[in-house]
Amino acid sequence: VKLLMEESPYLDPQISRGKLASTIGTNEKYLSQALKDKTSLGLTEILNRRRICQAIKNLSEDPQISMQILVVTSGFTSERTFYRVFKKTTGFTPSEFKRIPADKKNEILNQFEL
């Protein structure tokens, strides 16, 4: 979990369970179990949450950021997946989120930090 927070592997759209396990010197099964034990979440859920947190930060810093750039700088490979995960995670579309006051954005962001 520490690696996911400090080194931002979630920004790599090609990250995989195997690649992450290899990076920390363990196997995929142990990695999955350790993540579940520490966070009650699977790797995909953790990666998506961290990516959405990054997207929220990017939107807060630059409300005029294009969706294409937002998708890429958040670690997603497709706009469709980004929109689906963003809406599922925050309850808002990215366009709706842009119109939310800054204090509310921070409140939402704090809900998804690990």
PDB file of N, CA and C in Angstrom:
ATOM      1  N   VAL A   1       0.841  -1.185   0.000  1.00  0.00           N
ATOM      2  CA  VAL A   1       0.000   0.000   0.000  1.00  0.00           C
ATOM      3  C   VAL A   1       0.884   1.246   0.000  1.00  0.00           C
ATOM      4  N   LYS A   2       1.971   1.182   0.745  1.00  0.00           N
ATOM      5  CA  LYS A   2       2.893   2.318   0.812  1.00  0.00           C
ATOM      6  C   LYS A   2       3.421   2.681  -0.579  1.00  0.00           C
ATOM      7  N   LEU A   3       3.789   1.659  -1.345  1.00  0.00           N
ATOM      8  CA  LEU A   3       4.277   1.886  -2.706  1.00  0.00           C
ATOM      9  C   LEU A   3       3.216   2.588  -3.553  1.00  0.00           C
ATOM     10  N   LEU A   4       1.969   2.168  -3.408  1.00  0.00           N
ATOM     11  CA  LEU A   4       0.885   2.765  -4.193  1.00  0.00           C
ATOM     12  C   LEU A   4       0.681   4.232  -3.844  1.00  0.00           C
ATOM     13  N   MET A   5       1.005   4.613  -2.618  1.00  0.00           N
ATOM     14  CA  MET A   5       0.811   5.990  -2.180  1.00  0.00           C
ATOM     15  C   MET A   5       2.003   6.876  -2.518  1.00  0.00           C
ATOM     16  N   GLU A   6       3.206   6.344  -2.344  1.00  0.00           N
ATOM     17  CA  GLU A   6       4.402   7.167  -2.445  1.00  0.00           C
ATOM     18  C   GLU A   6       5.028   7.223  -3.831  1.00  0.00           C
ATOM     19  N   GLU A   7       4.902   6.149  -4.594  1.00  0.00           N
ATOM     20  CA  GLU A   7       5.588   6.110  -5.879  1.00  0.00           C
ATOM     21  C   GLU A   7       4.655   6.236  -7.081  1.00  0.00           C
ATOM     22  N   SER A   8       3.382   6.311  -6.851  1.00  0.00           N
ATOM     23  CA  SER A   8       2.375   6.554  -7.891  1.00  0.00           C
ATOM     24  C   SER A   8       2.383   5.581  -9.071  1.00  0.00           C
ATOM     25  N   PRO A   9       2.506   4.272  -8.835  1.00  0.00           N
ATOM     26  CA  PRO A   9       2.460   3.347  -9.973  1.00  0.00           C
ATOM     27  C   PRO A   9       1.094   3.346 -10.664  1.00  0.00           C
ATOM     28  N   TYR A  10       0.078   3.864  -9.988  1.00  0.00           N
ATOM     29  CA  TYR A  10      -1.261   3.925 -10.567  1.00  0.00           C
ATOM     30  C   TYR A  10      -1.326   4.848 -11.780  1.00  0.00           C
ATOM     31  N   LEU A  11      -0.335   5.713 -11.929  1.00  0.00           N
ATOM     32  CA  LEU A  11      -0.319   6.609 -13.088  1.00  0.00           C
ATOM     33  C   LEU A  11       0.162   5.903 -14.353  1.00  0.00           C
ATOM     34  N   ASP A  12       0.722   4.721 -14.194  1.00  0.00           N
ATOM     35  CA  ASP A  12       1.157   3.915 -15.331  1.00  0.00           C
ATOM     36  C   ASP A  12      -0.049   3.129 -15.838  1.00  0.00           C
ATOM     37  N   PRO A  13      -0.559   3.464 -17.013  1.00  0.00           N
ATOM     38  CA  PRO A  13      -1.739   2.759 -17.514  1.00  0.00           C
ATOM     39  C   PRO A  13      -1.478   1.279 -17.799  1.00  0.00           C
ATOM     40  N   GLN A  14      -0.205   0.891 -17.879  1.00  0.00           N
ATOM     41  CA  GLN A  14       0.138  -0.500 -18.160  1.00  0.00           C
ATOM     42  C   GLN A  14       0.450  -1.304 -16.898  1.00  0.00           C
ATOM     43  N   ILE A  15       0.235  -0.710 -15.722  1.00  0.00           N
ATOM     44  CA  ILE A  15       0.525  -1.426 -14.473  1.00  0.00           C
ATOM     45  C   ILE A  15      -0.351  -2.676 -14.397  1.00  0.00           C
ATOM     46  N   SER A  16       0.225  -3.713 -13.861  1.00  0.00           N
ATOM     47  CA  SER A  16      -0.519  -4.968 -13.708  1.00  0.00           C
ATOM     48  C   SER A  16      -0.184  -5.555 -12.346  1.00  0.00           C
ATOM     49  N   ARG A  17      -0.962  -6.506 -11.936  1.00  0.00           N
ATOM     50  CA  ARG A  17      -0.716  -7.184 -10.665  1.00  0.00           C
ATOM     51  C   ARG A  17       0.677  -7.813 -10.687  1.00  0.00           C
ATOM     52  N   GLY A  18       1.013  -8.461 -11.806  1.00  0.00           N
ATOM     53  CA  GLY A  18       2.320  -9.101 -11.932  1.00  0.00           C
ATOM     54  C   GLY A  18       3.464  -8.108 -11.872  1.00  0.00           C
ATOM     55  N   LYS A  19       3.321  -7.008 -12.572  1.00  0.00           N
ATOM     56  CA  LYS A  19       4.364  -5.979 -12.606  1.00  0.00           C
ATOM     57  C   LYS A  19       4.557  -5.369 -11.214  1.00  0.00           C
ATOM     58  N   LEU A  20       3.463  -5.100 -10.536  1.00  0.00           N
ATOM     59  CA  LEU A  20       3.534  -4.517  -9.202  1.00  0.00           C
ATOM     60  C   LEU A  20       4.142  -5.512  -8.208  1.00  0.00           C
ATOM     61  N   ALA A  21       3.723  -6.767  -8.285  1.00  0.00           N
ATOM     62  CA  ALA A  21       4.276  -7.798  -7.403  1.00  0.00           C
ATOM     63  C   ALA A  21       5.784  -7.930  -7.623  1.00  0.00           C
ATOM     64  N   SER A  22       6.203  -7.924  -8.865  1.00  0.00           N
ATOM     65  CA  SER A  22       7.623  -8.024  -9.186  1.00  0.00           C
ATOM     66  C   SER A  22       8.391  -6.828  -8.636  1.00  0.00           C
ATOM     67  N   THR A  23       7.819  -5.646  -8.730  1.00  0.00           N
ATOM     68  CA  THR A  23       8.457  -4.429  -8.238  1.00  0.00           C
ATOM     69  C   THR A  23       8.751  -4.508  -6.743  1.00  0.00           C
ATOM     70  N   ILE A  24       7.830  -5.093  -5.994  1.00  0.00           N
ATOM     71  CA  ILE A  24       8.029  -5.170  -4.544  1.00  0.00           C
ATOM     72  C   ILE A  24       8.627  -6.510  -4.101  1.00  0.00           C
ATOM     73  N   GLY A  25       8.909  -7.384  -5.053  1.00  0.00           N
ATOM     74  CA  GLY A  25       9.585  -8.636  -4.744  1.00  0.00           C
ATOM     75  C   GLY A  25       8.708  -9.697  -4.100  1.00  0.00           C
ATOM     76  N   THR A  26       7.492  -9.813  -4.589  1.00  0.00           N
ATOM     77  CA  THR A  26       6.595 -10.838  -4.070  1.00  0.00           C
ATOM     78  C   THR A  26       5.827 -11.467  -5.220  1.00  0.00           C
ATOM     79  N   ASN A  27       4.885 -12.333  -4.895  1.00  0.00           N
ATOM     80  CA  ASN A  27       4.070 -12.923  -5.954  1.00  0.00           C
ATOM     81  C   ASN A  27       2.680 -12.278  -5.962  1.00  0.00           C
ATOM     82  N   GLU A  28       1.948 -12.514  -7.028  1.00  0.00           N
ATOM     83  CA  GLU A  28       0.642 -11.881  -7.227  1.00  0.00           C
ATOM     84  C   GLU A  28      -0.360 -12.261  -6.136  1.00  0.00           C
ATOM     85  N   LYS A  29      -0.352 -13.517  -5.757  1.00  0.00           N
ATOM     86  CA  LYS A  29      -1.309 -13.981  -4.754  1.00  0.00           C
ATOM     87  C   LYS A  29      -1.073 -13.291  -3.409  1.00  0.00           C
ATOM     88  N   TYR A  30       0.191 -13.207  -2.991  1.00  0.00           N
ATOM     89  CA  TYR A  30       0.503 -12.542  -1.729  1.00  0.00           C
ATOM     90  C   TYR A  30       0.136 -11.058  -1.802  1.00  0.00           C
ATOM     91  N   LEU A  31       0.460 -10.432  -2.910  1.00  0.00           N
ATOM     92  CA  LEU A  31       0.132  -9.017  -3.085  1.00  0.00           C
ATOM     93  C   LEU A  31      -1.370  -8.787  -2.942  1.00  0.00           C
ATOM     94  N   SER A  32      -2.154  -9.583  -3.645  1.00  0.00           N
ATOM     95  CA  SER A  32      -3.615  -9.438  -3.589  1.00  0.00           C
ATOM     96  C   SER A  32      -4.130  -9.615  -2.172  1.00  0.00           C
ATOM     97  N   GLN A  33      -3.628 -10.623  -1.476  1.00  0.00           N
ATOM     98  CA  GLN A  33      -4.081 -10.883  -0.113  1.00  0.00           C
ATOM     99  C   GLN A  33      -3.665  -9.758   0.830  1.00  0.00           C
ATOM    100  N   ALA A  34      -2.448  -9.271   0.685  1.00  0.00           N
ATOM    101  CA  ALA A  34      -1.963  -8.180   1.545  1.00  0.00           C
ATOM    102  C   ALA A  34      -2.795  -6.917   1.340  1.00  0.00           C
ATOM    103  N   LEU A  35      -3.130  -6.618   0.087  1.00  0.00           N
ATOM    104  CA  LEU A  35      -3.950  -5.432  -0.187  1.00  0.00           C
ATOM    105  C   LEU A  35      -5.341  -5.582   0.421  1.00  0.00           C
ATOM    106  N   LYS A  36      -5.930  -6.759   0.256  1.00  0.00           N
ATOM    107  CA  LYS A  36      -7.258  -7.018   0.835  1.00  0.00           C
ATOM    108  C   LYS A  36      -7.221  -6.885   2.356  1.00  0.00           C
ATOM    109  N   ASP A  37      -6.161  -7.440   2.980  1.00  0.00           N
ATOM    110  CA  ASP A  37      -6.038  -7.380   4.440  1.00  0.00           C
ATOM    111  C   ASP A  37      -5.893  -5.944   4.936  1.00  0.00           C
ATOM    112  N   LYS A  38      -5.097  -5.139   4.232  1.00  0.00           N
ATOM    113  CA  LYS A  38      -4.821  -3.767   4.669  1.00  0.00           C
ATOM    114  C   LYS A  38      -5.935  -2.787   4.333  1.00  0.00           C
ATOM    115  N   THR A  39      -6.593  -2.986   3.180  1.00  0.00           N
ATOM    116  CA  THR A  39      -7.540  -1.970   2.708  1.00  0.00           C
ATOM    117  C   THR A  39      -8.960  -2.479   2.480  1.00  0.00           C
ATOM    118  N   SER A  40      -9.143  -3.779   2.485  1.00  0.00           N
ATOM    119  CA  SER A  40     -10.426  -4.407   2.134  1.00  0.00           C
ATOM    120  C   SER A  40     -10.806  -4.166   0.671  1.00  0.00           C
ATOM    121  N   LEU A  41      -9.840  -3.760  -0.133  1.00  0.00           N
ATOM    122  CA  LEU A  41     -10.074  -3.490  -1.553  1.00  0.00           C
ATOM    123  C   LEU A  41      -9.138  -4.335  -2.402  1.00  0.00           C
ATOM    124  N   GLY A  42      -9.570  -4.612  -3.626  1.00  0.00           N
ATOM    125  CA  GLY A  42      -8.719  -5.296  -4.581  1.00  0.00           C
ATOM    126  C   GLY A  42      -7.819  -4.298  -5.291  1.00  0.00           C
ATOM    127  N   LEU A  43      -6.832  -4.810  -6.016  1.00  0.00           N
ATOM    128  CA  LEU A  43      -5.878  -3.941  -6.702  1.00  0.00           C
ATOM    129  C   LEU A  43      -6.562  -2.998  -7.680  1.00  0.00           C
ATOM    130  N   THR A  44      -7.491  -3.489  -8.474  1.00  0.00           N
ATOM    131  CA  THR A  44      -8.174  -2.632  -9.448  1.00  0.00           C
ATOM    132  C   THR A  44      -8.905  -1.490  -8.755  1.00  0.00           C
ATOM    133  N   GLU A  45      -9.584  -1.794  -7.661  1.00  0.00           N
ATOM    134  CA  GLU A  45     -10.292  -0.753  -6.917  1.00  0.00           C
ATOM    135  C   GLU A  45      -9.322   0.289  -6.361  1.00  0.00           C
ATOM    136  N   ILE A  46      -8.206  -0.177  -5.831  1.00  0.00           N
ATOM    137  CA  ILE A  46      -7.206   0.748  -5.287  1.00  0.00           C
ATOM    138  C   ILE A  46      -6.641   1.628  -6.386  1.00  0.00           C
ATOM    139  N   LEU A  47      -6.259   1.002  -7.510  1.00  0.00           N
ATOM    140  CA  LEU A  47      -5.717   1.789  -8.626  1.00  0.00           C
ATOM    141  C   LEU A  47      -6.728   2.818  -9.107  1.00  0.00           C
ATOM    142  N   ASN A  48      -7.975   2.409  -9.267  1.00  0.00           N
ATOM    143  CA  ASN A  48      -8.992   3.342  -9.740  1.00  0.00           C
ATOM    144  C   ASN A  48      -9.234   4.476  -8.744  1.00  0.00           C
ATOM    145  N   ARG A  49      -9.246   4.180  -7.458  1.00  0.00           N
ATOM    146  CA  ARG A  49      -9.421   5.227  -6.449  1.00  0.00           C
ATOM    147  C   ARG A  49      -8.271   6.218  -6.492  1.00  0.00           C
ATOM    148  N   ARG A  50      -7.042   5.707  -6.578  1.00  0.00           N
ATOM    149  CA  ARG A  50      -5.877   6.599  -6.640  1.00  0.00           C
ATOM    150  C   ARG A  50      -5.915   7.434  -7.921  1.00  0.00           C
ATOM    151  N   ARG A  51      -6.338   6.822  -9.020  1.00  0.00           N
ATOM    152  CA  ARG A  51      -6.434   7.565 -10.287  1.00  0.00           C
ATOM    153  C   ARG A  51      -7.491   8.653 -10.210  1.00  0.00           C
ATOM    154  N   ILE A  52      -8.610   8.354  -9.587  1.00  0.00           N
ATOM    155  CA  ILE A  52      -9.663   9.370  -9.446  1.00  0.00           C
ATOM    156  C   ILE A  52      -9.200  10.485  -8.516  1.00  0.00           C
ATOM    157  N   CYS A  53      -8.482  10.148  -7.460  1.00  0.00           N
ATOM    158  CA  CYS A  53      -7.916  11.185  -6.589  1.00  0.00           C
ATOM    159  C   CYS A  53      -7.000  12.098  -7.393  1.00  0.00           C
ATOM    160  N   GLN A  54      -6.187  11.509  -8.247  1.00  0.00           N
ATOM    161  CA  GLN A  54      -5.290  12.303  -9.090  1.00  0.00           C
ATOM    162  C   GLN A  54      -6.102  13.179 -10.045  1.00  0.00           C
ATOM    163  N   ALA A  55      -7.147  12.636 -10.612  1.00  0.00           N
ATOM    164  CA  ALA A  55      -7.998  13.416 -11.526  1.00  0.00           C
ATOM    165  C   ALA A  55      -8.639  14.589 -10.789  1.00  0.00           C
ATOM    166  N   ILE A  56      -9.106  14.357  -9.568  1.00  0.00           N
ATOM    167  CA  ILE A  56      -9.722  15.438  -8.781  1.00  0.00           C
ATOM    168  C   ILE A  56      -8.690  16.524  -8.503  1.00  0.00           C
ATOM    169  N   LYS A  57      -7.482  16.129  -8.139  1.00  0.00           N
ATOM    170  CA  LYS A  57      -6.421  17.119  -7.900  1.00  0.00           C
ATOM    171  C   LYS A  57      -6.134  17.903  -9.171  1.00  0.00           C
ATOM    172  N   ASN A  58      -6.044  17.189 -10.298  1.00  0.00           N
ATOM    173  CA  ASN A  58      -5.768  17.865 -11.573  1.00  0.00           C
ATOM    174  C   ASN A  58      -6.887  18.839 -11.937  1.00  0.00           C
ATOM    175  N   LEU A  59      -8.127  18.426 -11.720  1.00  0.00           N
ATOM    176  CA  LEU A  59      -9.271  19.299 -12.006  1.00  0.00           C
ATOM    177  C   LEU A  59      -9.287  20.520 -11.091  1.00  0.00           C
ATOM    178  N   SER A  60      -8.907  20.320  -9.851  1.00  0.00           N
ATOM    179  CA  SER A  60      -8.882  21.429  -8.895  1.00  0.00           C
ATOM    180  C   SER A  60      -7.795  22.437  -9.250  1.00  0.00           C
ATOM    181  N   GLU A  61      -6.645  21.928  -9.700  1.00  0.00           N
ATOM    182  CA  GLU A  61      -5.537  22.802 -10.071  1.00  0.00           C
ATOM    183  C   GLU A  61      -5.792  23.523 -11.389  1.00  0.00           C
ATOM    184  N   ASP A  62      -6.470  22.854 -12.315  1.00  0.00           N
ATOM    185  CA  ASP A  62      -6.710  23.435 -13.641  1.00  0.00           C
ATOM    186  C   ASP A  62      -8.108  23.062 -14.123  1.00  0.00           C
ATOM    187  N   PRO A  63      -9.110  23.860 -13.741  1.00  0.00           N
ATOM    188  CA  PRO A  63     -10.485  23.549 -14.134  1.00  0.00           C
ATOM    189  C   PRO A  63     -10.710  23.522 -15.653  1.00  0.00           C
ATOM    190  N   GLN A  64      -9.786  24.107 -16.418  1.00  0.00           N
ATOM    191  CA  GLN A  64      -9.936  24.145 -17.876  1.00  0.00           C
ATOM    192  C   GLN A  64      -9.212  22.994 -18.571  1.00  0.00           C
ATOM    193  N   ILE A  65      -8.656  22.069 -17.806  1.00  0.00           N
ATOM    194  CA  ILE A  65      -7.916  20.945 -18.388  1.00  0.00           C
ATOM    195  C   ILE A  65      -8.825  20.159 -19.344  1.00  0.00           C
ATOM    196  N   SER A  66      -8.272  19.745 -20.464  1.00  0.00           N
ATOM    197  CA  SER A  66      -9.075  18.978 -21.417  1.00  0.00           C
ATOM    198  C   SER A  66      -9.286  17.570 -20.881  1.00  0.00           C
ATOM    199  N   MET A  67     -10.369  16.956 -21.270  1.00  0.00           N
ATOM    200  CA  MET A  67     -10.669  15.604 -20.807  1.00  0.00           C
ATOM    201  C   MET A  67      -9.607  14.611 -21.277  1.00  0.00           C
ATOM    202  N   GLN A  68      -9.091  14.790 -22.495  1.00  0.00           N
ATOM    203  CA  GLN A  68      -8.070  13.879 -23.004  1.00  0.00           C
ATOM    204  C   GLN A  68      -6.822  13.925 -22.129  1.00  0.00           C
ATOM    205  N   ILE A  69      -6.409  15.122 -21.750  1.00  0.00           N
ATOM    206  CA  ILE A  69      -5.226  15.268 -20.899  1.00  0.00           C
ATOM    207  C   ILE A  69      -5.517  14.743 -19.496  1.00  0.00           C
ATOM    208  N   LEU A  70      -6.698  15.022 -18.996  1.00  0.00           N
ATOM    209  CA  LEU A  70      -7.095  14.544 -17.672  1.00  0.00           C
ATOM    210  C   LEU A  70      -7.060  13.017 -17.607  1.00  0.00           C
ATOM    211  N   VAL A  71      -7.571  12.381 -18.634  1.00  0.00           N
ATOM    212  CA  VAL A  71      -7.587  10.919 -18.693  1.00  0.00           C
ATOM    213  C   VAL A  71      -6.160  10.375 -18.625  1.00  0.00           C
ATOM    214  N   VAL A  72      -5.289  10.887 -19.464  1.00  0.00           N
ATOM    215  CA  VAL A  72      -3.911  10.397 -19.546  1.00  0.00           C
ATOM    216  C   VAL A  72      -3.130  10.697 -18.264  1.00  0.00           C
ATOM    217  N   THR A  73      -3.262  11.910 -17.735  1.00  0.00           N
ATOM    218  CA  THR A  73      -2.487  12.286 -16.545  1.00  0.00           C
ATOM    219  C   THR A  73      -3.006  11.622 -15.276  1.00  0.00           C
ATOM    220  N   SER A  74      -4.141  10.969 -15.370  1.00  0.00           N
ATOM    221  CA  SER A  74      -4.698  10.244 -14.226  1.00  0.00           C
ATOM    222  C   SER A  74      -4.414   8.746 -14.307  1.00  0.00           C
ATOM    223  N   GLY A  75      -3.806   8.301 -15.393  1.00  0.00           N
ATOM    224  CA  GLY A  75      -3.417   6.901 -15.504  1.00  0.00           C
ATOM    225  C   GLY A  75      -4.412   6.000 -16.212  1.00  0.00           C
ATOM    226  N   PHE A  76      -5.457   6.581 -16.789  1.00  0.00           N
ATOM    227  CA  PHE A  76      -6.440   5.771 -17.513  1.00  0.00           C
ATOM    228  C   PHE A  76      -6.025   5.623 -18.968  1.00  0.00           C
ATOM    229  N   THR A  77      -6.495   4.561 -19.598  1.00  0.00           N
ATOM    230  CA  THR A  77      -6.162   4.343 -21.004  1.00  0.00           C
ATOM    231  C   THR A  77      -7.281   4.755 -21.941  1.00  0.00           C
ATOM    232  N   SER A  78      -8.499   4.905 -21.420  1.00  0.00           N
ATOM    233  CA  SER A  78      -9.598   5.309 -22.294  1.00  0.00           C
ATOM    234  C   SER A  78     -10.525   6.284 -21.586  1.00  0.00           C
ATOM    235  N   GLU A  79     -11.072   7.204 -22.372  1.00  0.00           N
ATOM    236  CA  GLU A  79     -12.019   8.173 -21.821  1.00  0.00           C
ATOM    237  C   GLU A  79     -13.269   7.475 -21.289  1.00  0.00           C
ATOM    238  N   ARG A  80     -13.703   6.473 -22.000  1.00  0.00           N
ATOM    239  CA  ARG A  80     -14.922   5.762 -21.595  1.00  0.00           C
ATOM    240  C   ARG A  80     -14.772   5.153 -20.192  1.00  0.00           C
ATOM    241  N   THR A  81     -13.638   4.487 -19.976  1.00  0.00           N
ATOM    242  CA  THR A  81     -13.379   3.900 -18.657  1.00  0.00           C
ATOM    243  C   THR A  81     -13.253   4.997 -17.613  1.00  0.00           C
ATOM    244  N   PHE A  82     -12.535   6.056 -17.956  1.00  0.00           N
ATOM    245  CA  PHE A  82     -12.373   7.177 -17.026  1.00  0.00           C
ATOM    246  C   PHE A  82     -13.731   7.730 -16.600  1.00  0.00           C
ATOM    247  N   TYR A  83     -14.605   8.039 -17.549  1.00  0.00           N
ATOM    248  CA  TYR A  83     -15.923   8.598 -17.235  1.00  0.00           C
ATOM    249  C   TYR A  83     -16.731   7.642 -16.348  1.00  0.00           C
ATOM    250  N   ARG A  84     -16.706   6.359 -16.705  1.00  0.00           N
ATOM    251  CA  ARG A  84     -17.470   5.374 -15.940  1.00  0.00           C
ATOM    252  C   ARG A  84     -16.969   5.295 -14.495  1.00  0.00           C
ATOM    253  N   VAL A  85     -15.653   5.187 -14.334  1.00  0.00           N
ATOM    254  CA  VAL A  85     -15.075   5.064 -12.994  1.00  0.00           C
ATOM    255  C   VAL A  85     -15.244   6.365 -12.211  1.00  0.00           C
ATOM    256  N   PHE A  86     -15.083   7.503 -12.866  1.00  0.00           N
ATOM    257  CA  PHE A  86     -15.239   8.796 -12.197  1.00  0.00           C
ATOM    258  C   PHE A  86     -16.657   8.937 -11.655  1.00  0.00           C
ATOM    259  N   LYS A  87     -17.643   8.659 -12.482  1.00  0.00           N
ATOM    260  CA  LYS A  87     -19.048   8.767 -12.072  1.00  0.00           C
ATOM    261  C   LYS A  87     -19.364   7.771 -10.949  1.00  0.00           C
ATOM    262  N   LYS A  88     -18.887   6.544 -11.096  1.00  0.00           N
ATOM    263  CA  LYS A  88     -19.149   5.517 -10.082  1.00  0.00           C
ATOM    264  C   LYS A  88     -18.512   5.892  -8.744  1.00  0.00           C
ATOM    265  N   THR A  89     -17.322   6.447  -8.801  1.00  0.00           N
ATOM    266  CA  THR A  89     -16.572   6.758  -7.590  1.00  0.00           C
ATOM    267  C   THR A  89     -17.065   8.024  -6.900  1.00  0.00           C
ATOM    268  N   THR A  90     -17.300   9.083  -7.671  1.00  0.00           N
ATOM    269  CA  THR A  90     -17.642  10.380  -7.068  1.00  0.00           C
ATOM    270  C   THR A  90     -19.136  10.673  -7.054  1.00  0.00           C
ATOM    271  N   GLY A  91     -19.878  10.024  -7.937  1.00  0.00           N
ATOM    272  CA  GLY A  91     -21.302  10.338  -8.068  1.00  0.00           C
ATOM    273  C   GLY A  91     -21.561  11.473  -9.040  1.00  0.00           C
ATOM    274  N   PHE A  92     -20.498  11.992  -9.649  1.00  0.00           N
ATOM    275  CA  PHE A  92     -20.603  13.103 -10.592  1.00  0.00           C
ATOM    276  C   PHE A  92     -19.873  12.758 -11.880  1.00  0.00           C
ATOM    277  N   THR A  93     -20.301  13.364 -12.981  1.00  0.00           N
ATOM    278  CA  THR A  93     -19.498  13.301 -14.196  1.00  0.00           C
ATOM    279  C   THR A  93     -18.370  14.314 -14.026  1.00  0.00           C
ATOM    280  N   PRO A  94     -17.297  14.211 -14.797  1.00  0.00           N
ATOM    281  CA  PRO A  94     -16.231  15.212 -14.688  1.00  0.00           C
ATOM    282  C   PRO A  94     -16.745  16.638 -14.934  1.00  0.00           C
ATOM    283  N   SER A  95     -17.660  16.817 -15.883  1.00  0.00           N
ATOM    284  CA  SER A  95     -18.206  18.150 -16.161  1.00  0.00           C
ATOM    285  C   SER A  95     -18.990  18.690 -14.975  1.00  0.00           C
ATOM    286  N   GLU A  96     -19.788  17.834 -14.343  1.00  0.00           N
ATOM    287  CA  GLU A  96     -20.536  18.246 -13.145  1.00  0.00           C
ATOM    288  C   GLU A  96     -19.562  18.584 -12.019  1.00  0.00           C
ATOM    289  N   PHE A  97     -18.527  17.790 -11.911  1.00  0.00           N
ATOM    290  CA  PHE A  97     -17.555  17.988 -10.843  1.00  0.00           C
ATOM    291  C   PHE A  97     -16.853  19.331 -10.964  1.00  0.00           C
ATOM    292  N   LYS A  98     -16.572  19.753 -12.188  1.00  0.00           N
ATOM    293  CA  LYS A  98     -15.905  21.042 -12.406  1.00  0.00           C
ATOM    294  C   LYS A  98     -16.688  22.197 -11.789  1.00  0.00           C
ATOM    295  N   ARG A  99     -18.013  22.055 -11.727  1.00  0.00           N
ATOM    296  CA  ARG A  99     -18.873  23.148 -11.238  1.00  0.00           C
ATOM    297  C   ARG A  99     -19.065  23.137  -9.716  1.00  0.00           C
ATOM    298  N   ILE A 100     -18.506  22.146  -9.055  1.00  0.00           N
ATOM    299  CA  ILE A 100     -18.654  22.038  -7.608  1.00  0.00           C
ATOM    300  C   ILE A 100     -17.693  23.018  -6.927  1.00  0.00           C
ATOM    301  N   PRO A 101     -18.127  23.671  -5.842  1.00  0.00           N
ATOM    302  CA  PRO A 101     -17.223  24.574  -5.107  1.00  0.00           C
ATOM    303  C   PRO A 101     -15.988  23.829  -4.575  1.00  0.00           C
ATOM    304  N   ALA A 102     -14.877  24.543  -4.453  1.00  0.00           N
ATOM    305  CA  ALA A 102     -13.588  23.950  -4.070  1.00  0.00           C
ATOM    306  C   ALA A 102     -13.652  23.192  -2.746  1.00  0.00           C
ATOM    307  N   ASP A 103     -14.357  23.725  -1.748  1.00  0.00           N
ATOM    308  CA  ASP A 103     -14.404  23.050  -0.454  1.00  0.00           C
ATOM    309  C   ASP A 103     -15.121  21.703  -0.550  1.00  0.00           C
ATOM    310  N   LYS A 104     -16.135  21.640  -1.385  1.00  0.00           N
ATOM    311  CA  LYS A 104     -16.860  20.372  -1.601  1.00  0.00           C
ATOM    312  C   LYS A 104     -15.969  19.374  -2.348  1.00  0.00           C
ATOM    313  N   LYS A 105     -15.163  19.870  -3.307  1.00  0.00           N
ATOM    314  CA  LYS A 105     -14.234  18.994  -4.027  1.00  0.00           C
ATOM    315  C   LYS A 105     -13.246  18.364  -3.057  1.00  0.00           C
ATOM    316  N   ASN A 106     -12.730  19.179  -2.129  1.00  0.00           N
ATOM    317  CA  ASN A 106     -11.783  18.660  -1.139  1.00  0.00           C
ATOM    318  C   ASN A 106     -12.442  17.624  -0.240  1.00  0.00           C
ATOM    319  N   GLU A 107     -13.682  17.850   0.100  1.00  0.00           N
ATOM    320  CA  GLU A 107     -14.445  16.907   0.920  1.00  0.00           C
ATOM    321  C   GLU A 107     -14.563  15.559   0.193  1.00  0.00           C
ATOM    322  N   ILE A 108     -14.893  15.631  -1.083  1.00  0.00           N
ATOM    323  CA  ILE A 108     -15.022  14.412  -1.896  1.00  0.00           C
ATOM    324  C   ILE A 108     -13.672  13.712  -2.008  1.00  0.00           C
ATOM    325  N   LEU A 109     -12.625  14.481  -2.255  1.00  0.00           N
ATOM    326  CA  LEU A 109     -11.284  13.914  -2.378  1.00  0.00           C
ATOM    327  C   LEU A 109     -10.889  13.165  -1.107  1.00  0.00           C
ATOM    328  N   ASN A 110     -11.164  13.741   0.034  1.00  0.00           N
ATOM    329  CA  ASN A 110     -10.790  13.118   1.309  1.00  0.00           C
ATOM    330  C   ASN A 110     -11.485  11.778   1.518  1.00  0.00           C
ATOM    331  N   GLN A 111     -12.644  11.583   0.927  1.00  0.00           N
ATOM    332  CA  GLN A 111     -13.362  10.314   1.054  1.00  0.00           C
ATOM    333  C   GLN A 111     -12.634   9.168   0.353  1.00  0.00           C
ATOM    334  N   PHE A 112     -11.834   9.481  -0.650  1.00  0.00           N
ATOM    335  CA  PHE A 112     -11.239   8.439  -1.464  1.00  0.00           C
ATOM    336  C   PHE A 112      -9.760   8.234  -1.238  1.00  0.00           C
ATOM    337  N   GLU A 113      -9.158   9.041  -0.376  1.00  0.00           N
ATOM    338  CA  GLU A 113      -7.747   8.838  -0.036  1.00  0.00           C
ATOM    339  C   GLU A 113      -7.638   7.535   0.739  1.00  0.00           C
ATOM    340  N   LEU A 114      -6.596   6.789   0.480  1.00  0.00           N
ATOM    341  CA  LEU A 114      -6.367   5.537   1.207  1.00  0.00           C
ATOM    342  C   LEU A 114      -5.517   5.799   2.428  1.00  0.00           C
TER     343      LEU A 114
END
